[in-house]
Amino acid sequence: MDSYEFPTDLTPDADNDADDGVATLRWTASVIALTTALLALFNAHAITGWAEDLPPGPMVVRLVAVANGWEETTAGLGLGMGHARLHKAWTRLERKGWSADNRDVQMAQR
């Protein structure tokens, strides 16, 4: 007999085998639901953009109105500020350009 015993029991547990992946599915569904909720709160303008890109129709008009209302609500609460700041910084960088004549590029090359 080996003098070293492994500290945990590696034999299959009958209780865990009966799960059939239900716990994994529950965990995955929870992560998807949480991510969707966070995106709806902090990225509401994307919902509006998606709704506006749909083919025209009576339901789409109503969906766009709801999406616009949701975007205004989250904007009023200040939930889109992080995205707005990041977008503003990115736009500033895009306008600045990365030509060889740019002073920042010349400084980085030294």
Protein backbone atom coordinates (compact mmCIF):
# COMPACT_ATOMS: atom_id res chain seq x y z
CA MET A 1 0.00 0.00 0.00
CA ASP A 2 1.21 3.46 -0.88
CA SER A 3 2.13 5.61 2.10
CA TYR A 4 0.72 8.71 0.40
CA GLU A 5 -3.04 9.14 0.33
CA PHE A 6 -4.59 11.77 -1.87
CA PRO A 7 -6.38 14.37 0.29
CA THR A 8 -9.65 14.27 -1.61
CA ASP A 9 -11.91 11.49 -2.74
CA LEU A 10 -11.90 11.30 -6.54
CA THR A 11 -14.57 8.65 -6.85
CA PRO A 12 -17.70 9.75 -8.69
CA ASP A 13 -20.34 11.14 -6.38
CA ALA A 14 -23.84 9.83 -7.09
CA ASP A 15 -25.43 13.15 -6.06
CA ASN A 16 -23.38 15.19 -8.54
CA ASP A 17 -23.90 12.75 -11.42
CA ALA A 18 -27.68 13.09 -11.18
CA ASP A 19 -27.36 16.80 -12.01
CA ASP A 20 -26.93 16.14 -15.79
CA GLY A 21 -25.52 19.63 -16.33
CA VAL A 22 -28.46 21.51 -14.81
CA ALA A 23 -26.13 23.51 -12.54
CA THR A 24 -23.97 24.44 -15.52
CA LEU A 25 -26.99 25.51 -17.54
CA ARG A 26 -28.30 27.55 -14.60
CA TRP A 27 -24.91 29.25 -14.20
CA THR A 28 -24.71 30.02 -17.93
CA ALA A 29 -28.24 31.41 -18.02
CA SER A 30 -27.45 33.60 -14.99
CA VAL A 31 -24.33 35.01 -16.63
CA ILE A 32 -26.22 35.74 -19.86
CA ALA A 33 -29.08 37.41 -17.96
CA LEU A 34 -26.69 39.54 -15.88
CA THR A 35 -24.70 40.59 -18.95
CA THR A 36 -27.87 41.49 -20.84
CA ALA A 37 -29.13 43.57 -17.92
CA LEU A 38 -25.82 45.43 -17.59
CA LEU A 39 -25.68 46.14 -21.32
CA ALA A 40 -29.28 47.37 -21.26
CA LEU A 41 -28.39 49.74 -18.42
CA PHE A 42 -25.01 51.04 -19.57
CA ASN A 43 -25.28 50.72 -23.37
CA ALA A 44 -28.90 51.69 -24.08
CA HIS A 45 -28.01 53.66 -27.21
CA ALA A 46 -27.02 50.37 -28.89
CA ILE A 47 -30.58 49.09 -28.40
CA THR A 48 -31.91 52.21 -30.09
CA GLY A 49 -29.46 51.80 -32.97
CA TRP A 50 -30.45 48.17 -33.40
CA ALA A 51 -34.17 49.03 -33.39
CA GLU A 52 -33.67 51.81 -35.94
CA ASP A 53 -31.90 49.38 -38.31
CA LEU A 54 -34.86 46.99 -38.43
CA PRO A 55 -37.09 46.95 -41.53
CA PRO A 56 -39.92 49.50 -41.19
CA GLY A 57 -43.24 48.38 -39.83
CA PRO A 58 -45.81 49.22 -37.16
CA MET A 59 -44.13 47.07 -34.50
CA VAL A 60 -40.73 48.57 -35.30
CA VAL A 61 -42.08 52.10 -34.83
CA ARG A 62 -43.32 51.12 -31.39
CA LEU A 63 -40.04 49.34 -30.58
CA VAL A 64 -38.02 52.41 -31.60
CA ALA A 65 -40.21 54.60 -29.38
CA VAL A 66 -39.68 52.26 -26.41
CA ALA A 67 -35.93 52.09 -27.11
CA ASN A 68 -35.72 55.89 -27.31
CA GLY A 69 -37.58 56.20 -24.02
CA TRP A 70 -35.25 53.68 -22.37
CA GLU A 71 -32.19 55.50 -23.72
CA GLU A 72 -33.50 58.82 -22.36
CA THR A 73 -34.20 57.22 -18.98
CA THR A 74 -30.71 55.76 -18.65
CA ALA A 75 -29.16 59.00 -19.90
CA GLY A 76 -31.14 60.93 -17.29
CA LEU A 77 -29.72 58.65 -14.61
CA GLY A 78 -26.20 59.18 -15.97
CA LEU A 79 -25.67 55.50 -16.76
CA GLY A 80 -24.25 56.19 -20.23
CA MET A 81 -21.55 58.57 -19.03
CA GLY A 82 -18.76 55.98 -19.20
CA HIS A 83 -19.51 55.14 -22.81
CA ALA A 84 -19.89 58.83 -23.70
CA ARG A 85 -16.48 59.69 -22.21
CA LEU A 86 -14.77 56.78 -23.93
CA HIS A 87 -16.42 57.67 -27.26
CA LYS A 88 -15.35 61.30 -26.89
CA ALA A 89 -11.75 60.29 -26.20
CA TRP A 90 -11.74 57.90 -29.16
CA THR A 91 -13.18 60.57 -31.48
CA ARG A 92 -10.50 63.01 -30.32
CA LEU A 93 -7.80 60.44 -31.14
CA GLU A 94 -9.33 59.77 -34.55
CA ARG A 95 -9.36 63.48 -35.39
CA LYS A 96 -5.78 63.84 -34.25
CA GLY A 97 -4.57 61.25 -36.76
CA TRP A 98 -1.40 59.21 -36.81
CA SER A 99 0.57 60.80 -39.63
CA ALA A 100 4.37 60.99 -39.50
CA ASP A 101 4.04 64.79 -39.26
CA ASN A 102 2.22 64.45 -35.94
CA ARG A 103 4.34 65.72 -33.02
CA ASP A 104 3.26 62.84 -30.75
CA VAL A 105 4.33 60.27 -33.34
CA GLN A 106 7.71 61.97 -33.70
CA MET A 107 8.16 61.93 -29.91
CA ALA A 108 7.32 58.23 -29.78
CA GLN A 109 9.86 57.42 -32.49
CA ARG A 110 12.75 58.91 -30.45
